[in-house]
Amino acid sequence: GYASHGAIELTWALLLAAVRAIPAEVESVRAGGWQTAVGGDLSGRTLGLVGLGRIGSAMTRIGRAFDMNVIAWSPNLTDAKAAEAGARLVPKEALFREADVVSLHLVLSDRSRGIVGAAELALMKPSAWLINTSRGPLIDEAALLDTLRAKRIAGAALDVFATEPLPPDHPLRTLPNVVATPHIGFVTEETYKTFYRDTVRNIIAWLDTQHG
């Protein structure tokens, strides 16, 4: 069993932390300082969802609760399915060009690997954020690092990476325009209760088959 709400909730935690510069503000307070930045807004901005399955559809509902304009794209998405979820289908290039926040919600496959590369990143607004809580290899990491170092976008908020755990000297650990967490989207009490309960049930079921 698996519950997807943990990943959805973490995506919004990262999104809000990034847009409102929460990590930097927390560090400032801990160091004896005060306000350090002017946060961004979500109301009236555009949320671009790459993938509109179960998690993407939930992201749409939350985005609309923040009064965001929600657009979406994926290889097989139709106008009708997008409208049913509360989003507007746009071409891939338009999504990266128009969105103030781009959030990835695709299954990793040969077709989706590297689906966000240099060309897509180059289309993004200088003020836009890229959020990834799905799978690291959806993004061309080298292209992302080039974009972040050049500050061509506001930054990236990431819970997943091409190599996990991240090597200790990996630049994504230290770049100032990165908000990073250690693949904890699924790490919640309810999800772990499900994992362990199902594991015990599976072991018992297997033992029952061994003893007739």
C-alpha atoms as a PDB file:
ATOM      1  CA  GLY A   1       0.000   0.000   0.000  1.00  0.00           C
ATOM      2  CA  TYR A   2       0.983   3.604  -0.437  1.00  0.00           C
ATOM      3  CA  ALA A   3      -0.562   6.982   0.369  1.00  0.00           C
ATOM      4  CA  SER A   4       0.394   9.856  -1.921  1.00  0.00           C
ATOM      5  CA  HIS A   5      -0.591  12.677   0.419  1.00  0.00           C
ATOM      6  CA  GLY A   6       2.883  12.804   1.990  1.00  0.00           C
ATOM      7  CA  ALA A   7       4.540  13.636  -1.322  1.00  0.00           C
ATOM      8  CA  ILE A   8       1.865  16.204  -2.141  1.00  0.00           C
ATOM      9  CA  GLU A   9       2.235  17.909   1.218  1.00  0.00           C
ATOM     10  CA  LEU A  10       6.031  17.990   0.963  1.00  0.00           C
ATOM     11  CA  THR A  11       5.815  19.485  -2.523  1.00  0.00           C
ATOM     12  CA  TRP A  12       3.837  22.404  -1.137  1.00  0.00           C
ATOM     13  CA  ALA A  13       6.195  22.705   1.837  1.00  0.00           C
ATOM     14  CA  LEU A  14       9.147  23.026  -0.540  1.00  0.00           C
ATOM     15  CA  LEU A  15       7.274  25.350  -2.870  1.00  0.00           C
ATOM     16  CA  LEU A  16       6.313  27.720  -0.057  1.00  0.00           C
ATOM     17  CA  ALA A  17       9.756  27.530   1.545  1.00  0.00           C
ATOM     18  CA  ALA A  18      11.367  28.452  -1.772  1.00  0.00           C
ATOM     19  CA  VAL A  19       9.046  31.272  -2.794  1.00  0.00           C
ATOM     20  CA  ARG A  20       9.068  32.890   0.670  1.00  0.00           C
ATOM     21  CA  ALA A  21      12.822  32.329   1.287  1.00  0.00           C
ATOM     22  CA  ILE A  22      12.011  30.524   4.518  1.00  0.00           C
ATOM     23  CA  PRO A  23      15.351  28.673   4.940  1.00  0.00           C
ATOM     24  CA  ALA A  24      17.298  31.944   4.688  1.00  0.00           C
ATOM     25  CA  GLU A  25      14.935  33.716   7.078  1.00  0.00           C
ATOM     26  CA  VAL A  26      15.180  30.885   9.615  1.00  0.00           C
ATOM     27  CA  GLU A  27      18.985  31.026   9.444  1.00  0.00           C
ATOM     28  CA  SER A  28      18.905  34.796   9.884  1.00  0.00           C
ATOM     29  CA  VAL A  29      16.786  34.551  13.033  1.00  0.00           C
ATOM     30  CA  ARG A  30      19.047  31.808  14.445  1.00  0.00           C
ATOM     31  CA  ALA A  31      22.081  33.986  13.791  1.00  0.00           C
ATOM     32  CA  GLY A  32      20.547  36.960  15.627  1.00  0.00           C
ATOM     33  CA  GLY A  33      19.405  38.794  12.509  1.00  0.00           C
ATOM     34  CA  TRP A  34      16.013  39.675  11.097  1.00  0.00           C
ATOM     35  CA  GLN A  35      14.389  39.936   7.656  1.00  0.00           C
ATOM     36  CA  THR A  36      16.729  39.277   4.737  1.00  0.00           C
ATOM     37  CA  ALA A  37      14.539  39.064   1.627  1.00  0.00           C
ATOM     38  CA  VAL A  38      11.273  40.089   0.038  1.00  0.00           C
ATOM     39  CA  GLY A  39       9.187  36.959  -0.516  1.00  0.00           C
ATOM     40  CA  GLY A  40       7.280  36.119  -3.652  1.00  0.00           C
ATOM     41  CA  ASP A  41       3.529  35.703  -4.016  1.00  0.00           C
ATOM     42  CA  LEU A  42       1.406  32.762  -5.152  1.00  0.00           C
ATOM     43  CA  SER A  43      -1.988  34.432  -5.523  1.00  0.00           C
ATOM     44  CA  GLY A  44      -2.480  35.411  -9.146  1.00  0.00           C
ATOM     45  CA  ARG A  45       0.653  33.576 -10.284  1.00  0.00           C
ATOM     46  CA  THR A  46       0.834  30.588 -12.626  1.00  0.00           C
ATOM     47  CA  LEU A  47       1.532  27.030 -11.481  1.00  0.00           C
ATOM     48  CA  GLY A  48       2.784  24.777 -14.272  1.00  0.00           C
ATOM     49  CA  LEU A  49       2.365  21.042 -13.687  1.00  0.00           C
ATOM     50  CA  VAL A  50       4.379  18.585 -15.748  1.00  0.00           C
ATOM     51  CA  GLY A  51       2.201  15.525 -15.251  1.00  0.00           C
ATOM     52  CA  LEU A  52      -1.432  15.492 -14.185  1.00  0.00           C
ATOM     53  CA  GLY A  53      -2.035  12.087 -12.656  1.00  0.00           C
ATOM     54  CA  ARG A  54      -3.209  11.463  -9.104  1.00  0.00           C
ATOM     55  CA  ILE A  55      -0.602  13.712  -7.507  1.00  0.00           C
ATOM     56  CA  GLY A  56      -0.714  16.345 -10.223  1.00  0.00           C
ATOM     57  CA  SER A  57      -4.491  16.575  -9.956  1.00  0.00           C
ATOM     58  CA  ALA A  58      -4.219  17.084  -6.194  1.00  0.00           C
ATOM     59  CA  MET A  59      -1.631  19.793  -6.832  1.00  0.00           C
ATOM     60  CA  THR A  60      -4.157  21.507  -9.082  1.00  0.00           C
ATOM     61  CA  ARG A  61      -6.784  21.674  -6.356  1.00  0.00           C
ATOM     62  CA  ILE A  62      -4.329  23.129  -3.868  1.00  0.00           C
ATOM     63  CA  GLY A  63      -2.967  25.589  -6.407  1.00  0.00           C
ATOM     64  CA  ARG A  64      -6.453  26.877  -7.097  1.00  0.00           C
ATOM     65  CA  ALA A  65      -7.015  27.243  -3.334  1.00  0.00           C
ATOM     66  CA  PHE A  66      -4.040  29.639  -3.400  1.00  0.00           C
ATOM     67  CA  ASP A  67      -5.789  31.514  -6.252  1.00  0.00           C
ATOM     68  CA  MET A  68      -3.173  30.377  -8.734  1.00  0.00           C
ATOM     69  CA  ASN A  69      -3.713  29.928 -12.441  1.00  0.00           C
ATOM     70  CA  VAL A  70      -2.945  26.258 -13.122  1.00  0.00           C
ATOM     71  CA  ILE A  71      -1.618  25.023 -16.454  1.00  0.00           C
ATOM     72  CA  ALA A  72      -0.464  21.504 -17.265  1.00  0.00           C
ATOM     73  CA  TRP A  73       1.306  19.385 -19.838  1.00  0.00           C
ATOM     74  CA  SER A  74       2.275  15.746 -20.219  1.00  0.00           C
ATOM     75  CA  PRO A  75       2.814  13.595 -23.305  1.00  0.00           C
ATOM     76  CA  ASN A  76      -0.683  12.038 -23.300  1.00  0.00           C
ATOM     77  CA  LEU A  77      -2.712  14.732 -21.541  1.00  0.00           C
ATOM     78  CA  THR A  78      -5.938  15.822 -23.239  1.00  0.00           C
ATOM     79  CA  ASP A  79      -7.916  19.052 -22.957  1.00  0.00           C
ATOM     80  CA  ALA A  80     -10.797  17.175 -21.349  1.00  0.00           C
ATOM     81  CA  LYS A  81      -8.661  15.487 -18.692  1.00  0.00           C
ATOM     82  CA  ALA A  82      -6.904  18.729 -17.846  1.00  0.00           C
ATOM     83  CA  ALA A  83     -10.206  20.583 -17.536  1.00  0.00           C
ATOM     84  CA  GLU A  84     -11.627  17.807 -15.346  1.00  0.00           C
ATOM     85  CA  ALA A  85      -8.700  18.281 -12.952  1.00  0.00           C
ATOM     86  CA  GLY A  86      -9.142  22.063 -12.949  1.00  0.00           C
ATOM     87  CA  ALA A  87      -6.137  22.900 -15.114  1.00  0.00           C
ATOM     88  CA  ARG A  88      -5.619  24.181 -18.652  1.00  0.00           C
ATOM     89  CA  LEU A  89      -3.637  22.100 -21.128  1.00  0.00           C
ATOM     90  CA  VAL A  90      -0.839  24.018 -22.849  1.00  0.00           C
ATOM     91  CA  PRO A  91       2.092  22.982 -25.049  1.00  0.00           C
ATOM     92  CA  LYS A  92       5.251  22.008 -23.195  1.00  0.00           C
ATOM     93  CA  GLU A  93       7.152  25.100 -24.315  1.00  0.00           C
ATOM     94  CA  ALA A  94       4.312  27.385 -23.228  1.00  0.00           C
ATOM     95  CA  LEU A  95       4.227  25.819 -19.785  1.00  0.00           C
ATOM     96  CA  PHE A  96       7.907  26.520 -19.114  1.00  0.00           C
ATOM     97  CA  ARG A  97       7.603  30.006 -20.584  1.00  0.00           C
ATOM     98  CA  GLU A  98       4.468  31.044 -18.651  1.00  0.00           C
ATOM     99  CA  ALA A  99       4.765  29.338 -15.264  1.00  0.00           C
ATOM    100  CA  ASP A 100       6.008  31.122 -12.157  1.00  0.00           C
ATOM    101  CA  VAL A 101       6.424  27.716 -10.515  1.00  0.00           C
ATOM    102  CA  VAL A 102       7.047  24.508 -12.475  1.00  0.00           C
ATOM    103  CA  SER A 103       6.400  21.286 -10.536  1.00  0.00           C
ATOM    104  CA  LEU A 104       7.197  17.812 -11.899  1.00  0.00           C
ATOM    105  CA  HIS A 105       4.830  14.879 -11.363  1.00  0.00           C
ATOM    106  CA  LEU A 106       5.771  12.172 -13.858  1.00  0.00           C
ATOM    107  CA  VAL A 107       6.758   8.537 -13.509  1.00  0.00           C
ATOM    108  CA  LEU A 108      10.380   7.974 -14.493  1.00  0.00           C
ATOM    109  CA  SER A 109      10.719   5.999 -17.720  1.00  0.00           C
ATOM    110  CA  ASP A 110      12.932   5.938 -20.786  1.00  0.00           C
ATOM    111  CA  ARG A 111      10.592   8.468 -22.339  1.00  0.00           C
ATOM    112  CA  SER A 112      10.517  10.859 -19.380  1.00  0.00           C
ATOM    113  CA  ARG A 113      14.192  10.686 -18.391  1.00  0.00           C
ATOM    114  CA  GLY A 114      15.746  14.123 -18.942  1.00  0.00           C
ATOM    115  CA  ILE A 115      12.392  15.580 -19.971  1.00  0.00           C
ATOM    116  CA  VAL A 116      13.509  18.862 -18.420  1.00  0.00           C
ATOM    117  CA  GLY A 117      16.750  19.855 -20.100  1.00  0.00           C
ATOM    118  CA  ALA A 118      18.627  22.948 -21.164  1.00  0.00           C
ATOM    119  CA  ALA A 119      15.974  23.935 -23.709  1.00  0.00           C
ATOM    120  CA  GLU A 120      13.143  23.852 -21.157  1.00  0.00           C
ATOM    121  CA  LEU A 121      15.170  25.615 -18.471  1.00  0.00           C
ATOM    122  CA  ALA A 122      16.087  28.359 -20.950  1.00  0.00           C
ATOM    123  CA  LEU A 123      12.388  29.105 -21.455  1.00  0.00           C
ATOM    124  CA  MET A 124      11.700  29.727 -17.756  1.00  0.00           C
ATOM    125  CA  LYS A 125      11.281  33.207 -16.308  1.00  0.00           C
ATOM    126  CA  PRO A 126      14.234  34.578 -14.298  1.00  0.00           C
ATOM    127  CA  SER A 127      11.826  34.755 -11.333  1.00  0.00           C
ATOM    128  CA  ALA A 128      10.506  31.182 -11.695  1.00  0.00           C
ATOM    129  CA  TRP A 129      11.115  28.196  -9.424  1.00  0.00           C
ATOM    130  CA  LEU A 130      11.495  24.545 -10.443  1.00  0.00           C
ATOM    131  CA  ILE A 131      10.125  21.962  -7.979  1.00  0.00           C
ATOM    132  CA  ASN A 132      10.893  18.237  -8.183  1.00  0.00           C
ATOM    133  CA  THR A 133       9.580  15.691  -5.690  1.00  0.00           C
ATOM    134  CA  SER A 134       9.086  12.914  -8.263  1.00  0.00           C
ATOM    135  CA  ARG A 135      12.363  11.452  -9.544  1.00  0.00           C
ATOM    136  CA  GLY A 136      15.750  13.116  -9.941  1.00  0.00           C
ATOM    137  CA  PRO A 137      16.566  11.889 -13.467  1.00  0.00           C
ATOM    138  CA  LEU A 138      13.515  13.691 -14.886  1.00  0.00           C
ATOM    139  CA  ILE A 139      15.850  16.696 -14.948  1.00  0.00           C
ATOM    140  CA  ASP A 140      19.147  16.926 -16.828  1.00  0.00           C
ATOM    141  CA  GLU A 141      21.266  17.640 -13.758  1.00  0.00           C
ATOM    142  CA  ALA A 142      24.171  19.216 -15.635  1.00  0.00           C
ATOM    143  CA  ALA A 143      21.805  21.640 -17.370  1.00  0.00           C
ATOM    144  CA  LEU A 144      20.136  22.461 -14.057  1.00  0.00           C
ATOM    145  CA  LEU A 145      23.467  23.173 -12.374  1.00  0.00           C
ATOM    146  CA  ASP A 146      24.480  25.485 -15.239  1.00  0.00           C
ATOM    147  CA  THR A 147      21.158  27.320 -14.941  1.00  0.00           C
ATOM    148  CA  LEU A 148      21.382  27.675 -11.162  1.00  0.00           C
ATOM    149  CA  ARG A 149      25.007  28.838 -11.173  1.00  0.00           C
ATOM    150  CA  ALA A 150      24.170  31.478 -13.778  1.00  0.00           C
ATOM    151  CA  LYS A 151      21.039  32.450 -11.787  1.00  0.00           C
ATOM    152  CA  ARG A 152      18.915  32.268 -14.919  1.00  0.00           C
ATOM    153  CA  ILE A 153      15.943  31.166 -12.775  1.00  0.00           C
ATOM    154  CA  ALA A 154      15.083  32.006  -9.176  1.00  0.00           C
ATOM    155  CA  GLY A 155      16.064  28.523  -8.065  1.00  0.00           C
ATOM    156  CA  ALA A 156      15.091  24.921  -7.543  1.00  0.00           C
ATOM    157  CA  ALA A 157      13.413  23.091  -4.664  1.00  0.00           C
ATOM    158  CA  LEU A 158      14.332  19.410  -4.785  1.00  0.00           C
ATOM    159  CA  ASP A 159      13.560  16.281  -2.790  1.00  0.00           C
ATOM    160  CA  VAL A 160      14.989  13.835  -5.360  1.00  0.00           C
ATOM    161  CA  PHE A 161      18.315  13.601  -7.151  1.00  0.00           C
ATOM    162  CA  ALA A 162      20.114  11.672  -9.871  1.00  0.00           C
ATOM    163  CA  THR A 163      22.397  10.121  -7.215  1.00  0.00           C
ATOM    164  CA  GLU A 164      21.014   9.368  -3.760  1.00  0.00           C
ATOM    165  CA  PRO A 165      22.219  10.030  -1.172  1.00  0.00           C
ATOM    166  CA  LEU A 166      23.844  13.143  -2.613  1.00  0.00           C
ATOM    167  CA  PRO A 167      27.646  12.969  -2.424  1.00  0.00           C
ATOM    168  CA  PRO A 168      28.915  15.153   0.440  1.00  0.00           C
ATOM    169  CA  ASP A 169      30.606  17.599  -1.965  1.00  0.00           C
ATOM    170  CA  HIS A 170      27.727  17.817  -4.440  1.00  0.00           C
ATOM    171  CA  PRO A 171      27.014  21.428  -5.500  1.00  0.00           C
ATOM    172  CA  LEU A 172      23.263  21.027  -4.927  1.00  0.00           C
ATOM    173  CA  ARG A 173      24.091  20.880  -1.213  1.00  0.00           C
ATOM    174  CA  THR A 174      25.578  24.383  -1.185  1.00  0.00           C
ATOM    175  CA  LEU A 175      24.134  26.485  -4.015  1.00  0.00           C
ATOM    176  CA  PRO A 176      22.268  29.400  -2.406  1.00  0.00           C
ATOM    177  CA  ASN A 177      19.323  29.191  -4.807  1.00  0.00           C
ATOM    178  CA  VAL A 178      18.545  25.547  -3.951  1.00  0.00           C
ATOM    179  CA  VAL A 179      16.157  24.293  -1.276  1.00  0.00           C
ATOM    180  CA  ALA A 180      16.947  20.602  -0.836  1.00  0.00           C
ATOM    181  CA  THR A 181      15.517  17.808   1.296  1.00  0.00           C
ATOM    182  CA  PRO A 182      16.774  14.176   1.450  1.00  0.00           C
ATOM    183  CA  HIS A 183      14.007  12.292  -0.431  1.00  0.00           C
ATOM    184  CA  ILE A 184      11.465  12.516   2.390  1.00  0.00           C
ATOM    185  CA  GLY A 185       8.271  12.921   0.368  1.00  0.00           C
ATOM    186  CA  PHE A 186       7.112   9.442   1.391  1.00  0.00           C
ATOM    187  CA  VAL A 187       8.648   9.527   4.882  1.00  0.00           C
ATOM    188  CA  THR A 188       5.595  10.080   7.086  1.00  0.00           C
ATOM    189  CA  GLU A 189       4.161   8.181  10.047  1.00  0.00           C
ATOM    190  CA  GLU A 190       1.074   6.982   8.165  1.00  0.00           C
ATOM    191  CA  THR A 191       3.055   5.813   5.145  1.00  0.00           C
ATOM    192  CA  TYR A 192       5.547   3.907   7.283  1.00  0.00           C
ATOM    193  CA  LYS A 193       2.716   2.303   9.254  1.00  0.00           C
ATOM    194  CA  THR A 194       1.332   1.068   5.931  1.00  0.00           C
ATOM    195  CA  PHE A 195       4.727  -0.218   4.750  1.00  0.00           C
ATOM    196  CA  TYR A 196       5.464  -2.167   7.928  1.00  0.00           C
ATOM    197  CA  ARG A 197       1.928  -3.508   8.319  1.00  0.00           C
ATOM    198  CA  ASP A 198       1.907  -4.782   4.741  1.00  0.00           C
ATOM    199  CA  THR A 199       5.380  -6.287   5.163  1.00  0.00           C
ATOM    200  CA  VAL A 200       4.317  -8.252   8.240  1.00  0.00           C
ATOM    201  CA  ARG A 201       1.142  -9.419   6.481  1.00  0.00           C
ATOM    202  CA  ASN A 202       3.166 -10.575   3.484  1.00  0.00           C
ATOM    203  CA  ILE A 203       5.579 -12.523   5.690  1.00  0.00           C
ATOM    204  CA  ILE A 204       2.702 -14.193   7.541  1.00  0.00           C
ATOM    205  CA  ALA A 205       0.993 -15.058   4.258  1.00  0.00           C
ATOM    206  CA  TRP A 206       4.224 -16.587   2.938  1.00  0.00           C
ATOM    207  CA  LEU A 207       4.756 -18.571   6.134  1.00  0.00           C
ATOM    208  CA  ASP A 208       1.214 -19.902   5.870  1.00  0.00           C
ATOM    209  CA  THR A 209       1.957 -21.235   2.388  1.00  0.00           C
ATOM    210  CA  GLN A 210       5.100 -22.990   3.686  1.00  0.00           C
ATOM    211  CA  HIS A 211       3.199 -24.831   6.403  1.00  0.00           C
ATOM    212  CA  GLY A 212       0.218 -25.902   4.403  1.00  0.00           C
END
